[in-house]
Amino acid sequence: MKRTSTVLLASFALLFTVAGASAARDDSSSVAVAARDVSAKTVIQVYKSPTCGCCKAWVDHVRAAGFQAEVFDISDEELQQRKTRLGVGPRLASCHTAIVNGYVVEGHVPAADIERLLKEKPAIAGIAVPGMPVGSPGMEVPGRRADKYDVVAFTKSGTTKVFASH
């Protein structure tokens, strides 16, 4: 545990040193540094099935981006009930559901899109990557080309629009 903490601390120190040096040379990098600052202080609550491997891989992705993920392994029935309460219908559903700063994040949403969501603070319920597209964070398959997919913004009333395309 102590070695892991030391490695993580050293990794973050190196990341912020490099990011700081880049930001000093290029104003566009300061936006990336600001996004990392947001993610480093932000907790994402992730609800998933205890047996879902791609969900664990997505959690690793958001943690690598600096988010603090709190993971809750719940039954499939509880997960579906939670999705329903949060307004995630079948058209938007994926294998895991997360909450970050009051927004719903459904499925394999890239961390950069979550950072954008938190920066822009749109008047929506959340964002989703419906299904499980190959190549989305947590769904990478070695030797297989990534599928094109959209991150969809949705409101409580069910209105949707494309938030980002990958």
C-alpha atoms as a PDB file:
ATOM      1  CA  MET A   1       0.000   0.000   0.000  1.00  0.00           C
ATOM      2  CA  LYS A   2       2.802   2.415   0.938  1.00  0.00           C
ATOM      3  CA  ARG A   3       4.673   1.677  -2.312  1.00  0.00           C
ATOM      4  CA  THR A   4       1.476   2.219  -4.361  1.00  0.00           C
ATOM      5  CA  SER A   5       0.861   5.558  -2.631  1.00  0.00           C
ATOM      6  CA  THR A   6       4.454   6.635  -3.281  1.00  0.00           C
ATOM      7  CA  VAL A   7       4.217   5.659  -6.954  1.00  0.00           C
ATOM      8  CA  LEU A   8       0.899   7.500  -7.335  1.00  0.00           C
ATOM      9  CA  LEU A   9       2.272  10.599  -5.608  1.00  0.00           C
ATOM     10  CA  ALA A  10       5.384  10.586  -7.803  1.00  0.00           C
ATOM     11  CA  SER A  11       3.232  10.107 -10.919  1.00  0.00           C
ATOM     12  CA  PHE A  12       1.007  13.051 -10.036  1.00  0.00           C
ATOM     13  CA  ALA A  13       4.034  15.237  -9.236  1.00  0.00           C
ATOM     14  CA  LEU A  14       5.549  14.433 -12.625  1.00  0.00           C
ATOM     15  CA  LEU A  15       2.219  14.994 -14.391  1.00  0.00           C
ATOM     16  CA  PHE A  16       1.725  18.420 -12.837  1.00  0.00           C
ATOM     17  CA  THR A  17       5.369  19.427 -13.452  1.00  0.00           C
ATOM     18  CA  VAL A  18       5.084  18.551 -17.139  1.00  0.00           C
ATOM     19  CA  ALA A  19       1.631  20.116 -17.413  1.00  0.00           C
ATOM     20  CA  GLY A  20       2.877  23.302 -15.759  1.00  0.00           C
ATOM     21  CA  ALA A  21       5.835  23.554 -18.124  1.00  0.00           C
ATOM     22  CA  SER A  22       3.576  23.019 -21.134  1.00  0.00           C
ATOM     23  CA  ALA A  23       1.089  25.604 -19.920  1.00  0.00           C
ATOM     24  CA  ALA A  24       3.848  28.173 -19.614  1.00  0.00           C
ATOM     25  CA  ARG A  25       4.673  27.748 -23.322  1.00  0.00           C
ATOM     26  CA  ASP A  26       1.164  27.523 -24.801  1.00  0.00           C
ATOM     27  CA  ASP A  27      -2.060  29.176 -23.663  1.00  0.00           C
ATOM     28  CA  SER A  28      -4.175  26.309 -25.045  1.00  0.00           C
ATOM     29  CA  SER A  29      -2.465  23.973 -22.579  1.00  0.00           C
ATOM     30  CA  SER A  30      -3.772  26.038 -19.675  1.00  0.00           C
ATOM     31  CA  VAL A  31      -7.264  24.831 -20.562  1.00  0.00           C
ATOM     32  CA  ALA A  32      -6.069  21.227 -20.265  1.00  0.00           C
ATOM     33  CA  VAL A  33      -4.410  21.993 -16.923  1.00  0.00           C
ATOM     34  CA  ALA A  34      -7.622  23.626 -15.679  1.00  0.00           C
ATOM     35  CA  ALA A  35      -9.589  20.541 -16.741  1.00  0.00           C
ATOM     36  CA  ARG A  36      -7.155  18.306 -14.849  1.00  0.00           C
ATOM     37  CA  ASP A  37      -7.551  20.554 -11.802  1.00  0.00           C
ATOM     38  CA  VAL A  38     -11.329  20.040 -11.998  1.00  0.00           C
ATOM     39  CA  SER A  39     -11.012  16.273 -12.315  1.00  0.00           C
ATOM     40  CA  ALA A  40      -8.429  15.953  -9.532  1.00  0.00           C
ATOM     41  CA  LYS A  41     -10.884  17.445  -7.051  1.00  0.00           C
ATOM     42  CA  THR A  42     -13.997  15.702  -8.342  1.00  0.00           C
ATOM     43  CA  VAL A  43     -15.582  12.521  -7.027  1.00  0.00           C
ATOM     44  CA  ILE A  44     -17.454  10.241  -9.423  1.00  0.00           C
ATOM     45  CA  GLN A  45     -19.821   7.731  -7.838  1.00  0.00           C
ATOM     46  CA  VAL A  46     -19.957   4.647 -10.070  1.00  0.00           C
ATOM     47  CA  TYR A  47     -22.728   2.045  -9.810  1.00  0.00           C
ATOM     48  CA  LYS A  48     -22.061  -1.273 -11.522  1.00  0.00           C
ATOM     49  CA  SER A  49     -22.454  -5.023 -11.398  1.00  0.00           C
ATOM     50  CA  PRO A  50     -19.705  -6.706  -9.362  1.00  0.00           C
ATOM     51  CA  THR A  51     -18.806  -8.935 -12.322  1.00  0.00           C
ATOM     52  CA  CYS A  52     -18.437  -6.246 -15.008  1.00  0.00           C
ATOM     53  CA  GLY A  53     -14.837  -6.142 -16.271  1.00  0.00           C
ATOM     54  CA  CYS A  54     -15.319  -3.313 -18.762  1.00  0.00           C
ATOM     55  CA  CYS A  55     -16.829  -1.185 -15.972  1.00  0.00           C
ATOM     56  CA  LYS A  56     -13.645  -1.689 -13.951  1.00  0.00           C
ATOM     57  CA  ALA A  57     -11.594  -0.684 -16.997  1.00  0.00           C
ATOM     58  CA  TRP A  58     -13.670   2.518 -17.345  1.00  0.00           C
ATOM     59  CA  VAL A  59     -13.125   3.288 -13.646  1.00  0.00           C
ATOM     60  CA  ASP A  60      -9.374   2.880 -14.248  1.00  0.00           C
ATOM     61  CA  HIS A  61      -9.711   5.335 -17.186  1.00  0.00           C
ATOM     62  CA  VAL A  62     -11.386   8.074 -15.122  1.00  0.00           C
ATOM     63  CA  ARG A  63      -8.955   7.553 -12.244  1.00  0.00           C
ATOM     64  CA  ALA A  64      -6.027   7.880 -14.664  1.00  0.00           C
ATOM     65  CA  ALA A  65      -7.551  11.211 -15.732  1.00  0.00           C
ATOM     66  CA  GLY A  66      -7.425  12.351 -12.102  1.00  0.00           C
ATOM     67  CA  PHE A  67     -10.991  11.779 -10.957  1.00  0.00           C
ATOM     68  CA  GLN A  68     -11.654  10.150  -7.593  1.00  0.00           C
ATOM     69  CA  ALA A  69     -13.962   7.210  -8.273  1.00  0.00           C
ATOM     70  CA  GLU A  70     -16.124   5.706  -5.545  1.00  0.00           C
ATOM     71  CA  VAL A  71     -17.339   2.339  -6.816  1.00  0.00           C
ATOM     72  CA  PHE A  72     -20.548   0.688  -5.644  1.00  0.00           C
ATOM     73  CA  ASP A  73     -21.122  -2.915  -6.716  1.00  0.00           C
ATOM     74  CA  ILE A  74     -24.883  -3.471  -6.767  1.00  0.00           C
ATOM     75  CA  SER A  75     -27.259  -6.077  -8.161  1.00  0.00           C
ATOM     76  CA  ASP A  76     -28.502  -5.801 -11.734  1.00  0.00           C
ATOM     77  CA  GLU A  77     -32.001  -5.118 -10.398  1.00  0.00           C
ATOM     78  CA  GLU A  78     -30.773  -2.250  -8.205  1.00  0.00           C
ATOM     79  CA  LEU A  79     -28.754  -0.866 -11.122  1.00  0.00           C
ATOM     80  CA  GLN A  80     -31.802  -0.848 -13.419  1.00  0.00           C
ATOM     81  CA  GLN A  81     -33.896   0.848 -10.727  1.00  0.00           C
ATOM     82  CA  ARG A  82     -31.212   3.504 -10.296  1.00  0.00           C
ATOM     83  CA  LYS A  83     -31.068   4.111 -14.063  1.00  0.00           C
ATOM     84  CA  THR A  84     -34.849   4.528 -14.168  1.00  0.00           C
ATOM     85  CA  ARG A  85     -34.815   7.005 -11.257  1.00  0.00           C
ATOM     86  CA  LEU A  86     -32.080   9.019 -12.988  1.00  0.00           C
ATOM     87  CA  GLY A  87     -33.891   9.178 -16.339  1.00  0.00           C
ATOM     88  CA  VAL A  88     -31.628   6.763 -18.215  1.00  0.00           C
ATOM     89  CA  GLY A  89     -33.982   4.958 -20.590  1.00  0.00           C
ATOM     90  CA  PRO A  90     -33.208   1.903 -22.727  1.00  0.00           C
ATOM     91  CA  ARG A  91     -32.021   4.052 -25.681  1.00  0.00           C
ATOM     92  CA  LEU A  92     -29.274   5.574 -23.504  1.00  0.00           C
ATOM     93  CA  ALA A  93     -28.382   2.628 -21.282  1.00  0.00           C
ATOM     94  CA  SER A  94     -25.021   0.948 -20.912  1.00  0.00           C
ATOM     95  CA  CYS A  95     -23.475  -1.306 -18.285  1.00  0.00           C
ATOM     96  CA  HIS A  96     -22.674   1.228 -15.551  1.00  0.00           C
ATOM     97  CA  THR A  97     -24.077   4.505 -14.270  1.00  0.00           C
ATOM     98  CA  ALA A  98     -22.161   7.283 -12.555  1.00  0.00           C
ATOM     99  CA  ILE A  99     -22.993  10.539 -10.816  1.00  0.00           C
ATOM    100  CA  VAL A 100     -20.617  13.503 -10.860  1.00  0.00           C
ATOM    101  CA  ASN A 101     -21.509  16.931  -9.451  1.00  0.00           C
ATOM    102  CA  GLY A 102     -25.216  16.172  -9.921  1.00  0.00           C
ATOM    103  CA  TYR A 103     -24.865  15.002 -13.539  1.00  0.00           C
ATOM    104  CA  VAL A 104     -25.547  11.455 -14.713  1.00  0.00           C
ATOM    105  CA  VAL A 105     -22.739   9.837 -16.707  1.00  0.00           C
ATOM    106  CA  GLU A 106     -23.998   6.672 -18.380  1.00  0.00           C
ATOM    107  CA  GLY A 107     -21.644   4.154 -19.913  1.00  0.00           C
ATOM    108  CA  HIS A 108     -18.206   4.460 -21.449  1.00  0.00           C
ATOM    109  CA  VAL A 109     -17.949   8.264 -21.630  1.00  0.00           C
ATOM    110  CA  PRO A 110     -14.390   9.559 -22.171  1.00  0.00           C
ATOM    111  CA  ALA A 111     -12.943  11.474 -19.204  1.00  0.00           C
ATOM    112  CA  ALA A 112     -12.299  14.496 -21.452  1.00  0.00           C
ATOM    113  CA  ASP A 113     -16.041  14.745 -22.148  1.00  0.00           C
ATOM    114  CA  ILE A 114     -16.790  14.579 -18.416  1.00  0.00           C
ATOM    115  CA  GLU A 115     -14.271  17.376 -17.845  1.00  0.00           C
ATOM    116  CA  ARG A 116     -15.976  19.435 -20.581  1.00  0.00           C
ATOM    117  CA  LEU A 117     -19.389  18.768 -18.990  1.00  0.00           C
ATOM    118  CA  LEU A 118     -18.142  20.022 -15.624  1.00  0.00           C
ATOM    119  CA  LYS A 119     -16.509  23.077 -17.173  1.00  0.00           C
ATOM    120  CA  GLU A 120     -19.477  24.121 -19.341  1.00  0.00           C
ATOM    121  CA  LYS A 121     -22.219  23.162 -16.821  1.00  0.00           C
ATOM    122  CA  PRO A 122     -25.040  22.821 -19.370  1.00  0.00           C
ATOM    123  CA  ALA A 123     -28.671  22.613 -18.250  1.00  0.00           C
ATOM    124  CA  ILE A 124     -28.996  18.854 -18.847  1.00  0.00           C
ATOM    125  CA  ALA A 125     -29.472  15.749 -16.722  1.00  0.00           C
ATOM    126  CA  GLY A 126     -26.351  14.068 -18.034  1.00  0.00           C
ATOM    127  CA  ILE A 127     -24.372  12.487 -20.839  1.00  0.00           C
ATOM    128  CA  ALA A 128     -24.309   8.918 -22.109  1.00  0.00           C
ATOM    129  CA  VAL A 129     -22.534   6.575 -24.463  1.00  0.00           C
ATOM    130  CA  PRO A 130     -25.363   4.165 -25.286  1.00  0.00           C
ATOM    131  CA  GLY A 131     -24.431   0.516 -25.567  1.00  0.00           C
ATOM    132  CA  MET A 132     -20.826  -0.570 -25.401  1.00  0.00           C
ATOM    133  CA  PRO A 133     -18.966   0.668 -28.506  1.00  0.00           C
ATOM    134  CA  VAL A 134     -15.620  -0.984 -29.174  1.00  0.00           C
ATOM    135  CA  GLY A 135     -12.809   1.506 -28.626  1.00  0.00           C
ATOM    136  CA  SER A 136     -14.631   3.645 -26.081  1.00  0.00           C
ATOM    137  CA  PRO A 137     -12.837   3.905 -22.701  1.00  0.00           C
ATOM    138  CA  GLY A 138     -12.956   0.509 -21.047  1.00  0.00           C
ATOM    139  CA  MET A 139     -14.028  -1.199 -24.274  1.00  0.00           C
ATOM    140  CA  GLU A 140     -10.684  -1.238 -26.063  1.00  0.00           C
ATOM    141  CA  VAL A 141      -9.995  -4.464 -27.969  1.00  0.00           C
ATOM    142  CA  PRO A 142      -6.396  -5.047 -29.092  1.00  0.00           C
ATOM    143  CA  GLY A 143      -6.148  -5.522 -32.840  1.00  0.00           C
ATOM    144  CA  ARG A 144      -9.672  -4.258 -33.490  1.00  0.00           C
ATOM    145  CA  ARG A 145     -10.448  -0.863 -34.919  1.00  0.00           C
ATOM    146  CA  ALA A 146     -12.545   1.418 -32.728  1.00  0.00           C
ATOM    147  CA  ASP A 147     -16.189   1.984 -33.602  1.00  0.00           C
ATOM    148  CA  LYS A 148     -17.391   5.528 -34.193  1.00  0.00           C
ATOM    149  CA  TYR A 149     -19.721   6.605 -31.410  1.00  0.00           C
ATOM    150  CA  ASP A 150     -21.486   9.635 -29.970  1.00  0.00           C
ATOM    151  CA  VAL A 151     -21.672  10.962 -26.453  1.00  0.00           C
ATOM    152  CA  VAL A 152     -25.300  12.018 -26.083  1.00  0.00           C
ATOM    153  CA  ALA A 153     -26.541  14.805 -23.800  1.00  0.00           C
ATOM    154  CA  PHE A 154     -29.995  14.210 -22.322  1.00  0.00           C
ATOM    155  CA  THR A 155     -32.511  16.152 -20.266  1.00  0.00           C
ATOM    156  CA  LYS A 156     -34.929  14.934 -17.616  1.00  0.00           C
ATOM    157  CA  SER A 157     -37.753  15.274 -20.151  1.00  0.00           C
ATOM    158  CA  GLY A 158     -35.977  12.860 -22.505  1.00  0.00           C
ATOM    159  CA  THR A 159     -34.651  15.311 -25.090  1.00  0.00           C
ATOM    160  CA  THR A 160     -31.298  14.249 -26.528  1.00  0.00           C
ATOM    161  CA  LYS A 161     -28.588  15.793 -28.671  1.00  0.00           C
ATOM    162  CA  VAL A 162     -25.030  14.912 -29.596  1.00  0.00           C
ATOM    163  CA  PHE A 163     -22.544  16.256 -27.052  1.00  0.00           C
ATOM    164  CA  ALA A 164     -19.401  14.842 -28.713  1.00  0.00           C
ATOM    165  CA  SER A 165     -18.473  12.429 -31.492  1.00  0.00           C
ATOM    166  CA  HIS A 166     -15.579  10.005 -31.447  1.00  0.00           C
END
